[in-house]
N, C-alpha and C. Protein backbone atom coordinates (compact mmCIF):
# COMPACT_ATOMS: atom_id res chain seq x y z
N MET A 1 -14.90 156.51 177.67
CA MET A 1 -14.16 157.73 176.71
C MET A 1 -13.42 158.43 177.35
N LYS A 2 -12.15 158.90 177.01
CA LYS A 2 -11.52 159.89 177.57
C LYS A 2 -10.85 161.04 176.88
N LYS A 3 -10.94 161.85 177.47
CA LYS A 3 -10.83 163.35 176.40
C LYS A 3 -10.16 164.46 177.63
N SER A 4 -9.66 165.22 176.67
CA SER A 4 -8.75 166.45 177.45
C SER A 4 -9.34 167.70 177.08
N PHE A 5 -9.63 168.73 177.84
CA PHE A 5 -10.58 169.84 178.00
C PHE A 5 -9.32 170.92 178.37
N ALA A 6 -9.39 172.12 177.53
CA ALA A 6 -8.78 173.41 177.98
C ALA A 6 -9.57 174.12 179.23
N MET A 7 -9.03 174.59 179.98
CA MET A 7 -9.93 175.45 180.99
C MET A 7 -9.09 176.60 180.92
N GLN A 8 -10.18 177.78 181.39
CA GLN A 8 -9.88 179.14 181.08
C GLN A 8 -10.18 179.69 182.38
N ASP A 9 -9.07 180.54 182.89
CA ASP A 9 -9.43 181.10 184.15
C ASP A 9 -9.25 180.34 185.36
N LEU A 10 -8.41 179.56 185.54
CA LEU A 10 -8.58 178.79 186.75
C LEU A 10 -7.56 179.47 187.92
N ASP A 11 -7.81 180.02 188.71
CA ASP A 11 -7.00 180.75 189.53
C ASP A 11 -6.05 180.02 190.22
N CYS A 12 -6.50 178.56 190.89
CA CYS A 12 -5.51 178.15 191.87
C CYS A 12 -5.31 176.56 191.78
N ALA A 13 -4.45 176.00 192.48
CA ALA A 13 -4.64 174.51 192.68
C ALA A 13 -5.50 174.17 193.36
N ASN A 14 -5.76 174.79 194.80
CA ASN A 14 -6.73 174.59 195.66
C ASN A 14 -8.10 174.31 194.96
N CYS A 15 -8.38 175.29 194.22
CA CYS A 15 -9.70 175.38 193.26
C CYS A 15 -10.05 173.95 192.40
N ALA A 16 -8.58 173.87 191.86
CA ALA A 16 -8.44 172.64 190.92
C ALA A 16 -8.86 171.32 191.50
N SER A 17 -8.39 171.19 192.73
CA SER A 17 -8.66 170.24 193.73
C SER A 17 -10.02 170.00 194.03
N LYS A 18 -10.57 171.14 194.42
CA LYS A 18 -12.08 171.05 194.70
C LYS A 18 -12.98 170.58 193.55
N MET A 19 -12.47 170.89 192.31
CA MET A 19 -13.10 170.71 191.09
C MET A 19 -12.83 169.36 190.80
N GLU A 20 -11.91 168.80 190.79
CA GLU A 20 -11.34 167.42 190.60
C GLU A 20 -12.39 166.57 191.56
N ASN A 21 -12.51 166.92 192.75
CA ASN A 21 -13.14 165.88 193.75
C ASN A 21 -14.85 165.65 193.48
N ALA A 22 -15.16 167.21 193.11
CA ALA A 22 -16.75 167.20 192.77
C ALA A 22 -17.03 166.42 191.55
N ILE A 23 -16.16 166.52 190.54
CA ILE A 23 -16.18 166.18 189.37
C ILE A 23 -16.46 164.36 189.54
N LYS A 24 -15.26 164.00 190.36
CA LYS A 24 -15.26 162.55 190.31
C LYS A 24 -16.58 162.07 191.08
N LYS A 25 -17.36 162.75 191.86
CA LYS A 25 -18.70 162.56 192.52
C LYS A 25 -19.98 162.05 191.51
N ILE A 26 -19.33 162.81 190.05
CA ILE A 26 -20.75 162.43 189.06
C ILE A 26 -20.95 161.17 188.87
N ASP A 27 -21.86 160.93 188.84
CA ASP A 27 -22.53 159.46 188.38
C ASP A 27 -22.14 159.02 186.63
N GLY A 28 -21.12 158.13 186.56
CA GLY A 28 -20.77 157.93 185.20
C GLY A 28 -19.17 158.41 185.13
N VAL A 29 -18.84 158.90 185.90
CA VAL A 29 -17.19 159.66 185.66
C VAL A 29 -16.26 158.38 186.35
N ASN A 30 -15.19 157.94 185.63
CA ASN A 30 -14.07 157.14 185.80
C ASN A 30 -13.21 157.75 186.43
N ASP A 31 -12.88 158.71 185.98
CA ASP A 31 -11.30 159.55 186.83
C ASP A 31 -11.58 161.05 186.21
N CYS A 32 -11.01 161.80 186.71
CA CYS A 32 -10.87 163.12 186.67
C CYS A 32 -9.50 163.62 187.02
N SER A 33 -8.81 164.40 186.24
CA SER A 33 -7.62 164.93 186.85
C SER A 33 -7.35 166.47 186.28
N ILE A 34 -7.24 167.57 186.87
CA ILE A 34 -7.01 168.99 186.54
C ILE A 34 -5.89 169.33 186.72
N ASN A 35 -5.25 169.70 185.59
CA ASN A 35 -3.53 170.01 186.07
C ASN A 35 -3.62 171.79 186.05
N PHE A 36 -3.74 172.17 187.12
CA PHE A 36 -3.72 173.71 187.50
C PHE A 36 -2.75 174.41 186.53
N PHE A 37 -1.46 173.95 186.51
CA PHE A 37 -0.36 174.83 185.56
C PHE A 37 -0.76 174.68 184.00
N ALA A 38 -1.19 173.93 183.66
CA ALA A 38 -1.45 173.48 182.26
C ALA A 38 -2.63 173.92 181.95
N GLN A 39 -3.67 174.31 182.97
CA GLN A 39 -4.91 174.61 182.77
C GLN A 39 -5.93 173.88 181.85
N LYS A 40 -5.54 172.53 182.13
CA LYS A 40 -6.19 171.38 181.49
C LYS A 40 -6.99 170.24 182.37
N MET A 41 -8.29 169.68 181.64
CA MET A 41 -8.66 168.76 182.59
C MET A 41 -8.60 167.51 181.69
N ILE A 42 -8.47 166.31 182.22
CA ILE A 42 -8.51 165.36 181.71
C ILE A 42 -9.76 164.51 182.35
N LEU A 43 -10.60 164.31 181.38
CA LEU A 43 -12.10 163.42 181.74
C LEU A 43 -12.15 161.91 181.35
N ASP A 44 -12.36 161.11 182.25
CA ASP A 44 -12.73 159.95 181.69
C ASP A 44 -14.04 159.24 182.43
N ALA A 45 -14.79 159.21 181.39
CA ALA A 45 -16.41 159.14 181.64
C ALA A 45 -17.01 158.24 180.76
N ASP A 46 -18.39 157.79 181.10
CA ASP A 46 -19.23 156.30 180.44
C ASP A 46 -19.40 157.04 179.10
N ASP A 47 -19.09 156.21 178.12
CA ASP A 47 -19.19 156.68 176.37
C ASP A 47 -21.11 157.10 176.32
N THR A 48 -21.56 156.46 176.77
CA THR A 48 -23.07 156.46 176.51
C THR A 48 -23.69 158.00 177.12
N ARG A 49 -22.93 158.30 178.18
CA ARG A 49 -23.52 159.71 178.56
C ARG A 49 -22.96 160.70 178.55
N PHE A 50 -21.66 160.60 177.66
CA PHE A 50 -20.20 161.35 177.93
C PHE A 50 -20.55 163.04 177.72
N GLU A 51 -21.56 163.35 176.85
CA GLU A 51 -22.04 164.86 176.46
C GLU A 51 -22.72 165.38 177.74
N ASP A 52 -23.60 164.60 178.35
CA ASP A 52 -24.34 164.99 179.59
C ASP A 52 -23.28 165.04 180.73
N ILE A 53 -22.15 164.19 180.85
CA ILE A 53 -21.31 164.23 181.83
C ILE A 53 -20.44 165.53 182.03
N VAL A 54 -20.22 165.64 180.47
CA VAL A 54 -19.48 167.04 180.21
C VAL A 54 -20.10 168.27 180.84
N LYS A 55 -21.00 168.24 180.49
CA LYS A 55 -22.24 169.45 180.99
C LYS A 55 -22.03 169.48 182.50
N LYS A 56 -22.47 168.40 183.59
CA LYS A 56 -22.18 168.27 184.67
C LYS A 56 -20.96 168.65 185.22
N ALA A 57 -20.25 168.26 184.36
CA ALA A 57 -18.84 168.88 184.74
C ALA A 57 -18.49 170.37 184.83
N ALA A 58 -19.11 170.83 183.70
CA ALA A 58 -18.80 172.05 183.43
C ALA A 58 -19.57 172.91 184.70
N ALA A 59 -20.66 172.55 185.16
CA ALA A 59 -21.41 173.00 186.14
C ALA A 59 -20.77 172.95 187.48
N ALA A 60 -19.87 171.86 187.65
CA ALA A 60 -19.22 171.56 188.96
C ALA A 60 -18.21 172.97 189.11
N ILE A 61 -17.54 173.02 187.84
CA ILE A 61 -16.39 173.74 187.84
C ILE A 61 -16.75 175.05 188.20
N LYS A 62 -18.12 175.66 187.67
CA LYS A 62 -18.64 177.08 187.81
C LYS A 62 -19.15 177.32 189.44
N LYS A 63 -19.56 176.22 190.13
CA LYS A 63 -19.73 176.18 191.39
C LYS A 63 -18.56 176.28 192.29
N VAL A 64 -17.47 175.99 191.82
CA VAL A 64 -16.45 176.18 192.76
C VAL A 64 -15.58 177.44 192.32
N ASP A 65 -15.77 177.99 191.23
CA ASP A 65 -15.20 178.98 190.63
C ASP A 65 -15.79 179.53 189.76
N PRO A 66 -16.73 180.38 189.90
CA PRO A 66 -18.09 181.09 188.74
C PRO A 66 -17.04 181.91 187.93
N ASP A 67 -15.65 182.05 187.82
CA ASP A 67 -14.89 183.15 186.95
C ASP A 67 -14.30 181.87 186.12
N CYS A 68 -13.88 180.57 186.43
CA CYS A 68 -13.48 179.65 185.66
C CYS A 68 -14.43 179.02 184.71
N SER A 69 -13.83 178.40 183.37
CA SER A 69 -14.96 177.84 182.44
C SER A 69 -14.01 176.52 181.70
N LEU A 70 -14.81 175.83 181.29
CA LEU A 70 -14.45 174.55 180.84
C LEU A 70 -14.56 174.88 179.16
N ILE A 71 -13.48 174.53 177.99
CA ILE A 71 -13.77 175.15 176.99
C ILE A 71 -13.90 173.73 175.97
N VAL A 72 -15.40 173.85 175.68
CA VAL A 72 -15.72 172.23 174.98
C VAL A 72 -15.86 172.88 173.30
N LYS A 73 -15.00 172.29 172.43
CA LYS A 73 -15.16 172.58 171.22
C LYS A 73 -16.13 171.58 170.33
């Protein structure tokens, strides 16, 4: 499943790159791209575990930048 998420308070492109790399290491993630200028993340991950993977991705984002958050609707 591939889904787009808005991000809030992403401060720099370097942080976005670190987040991307950390999320790509999560088991079940096929691909992840974070666009700093658009404040958007596109996540491609295993359908059966997608919600759990999104939670892990949000935690990885917080680890890199505690002020940044993933907006999950």
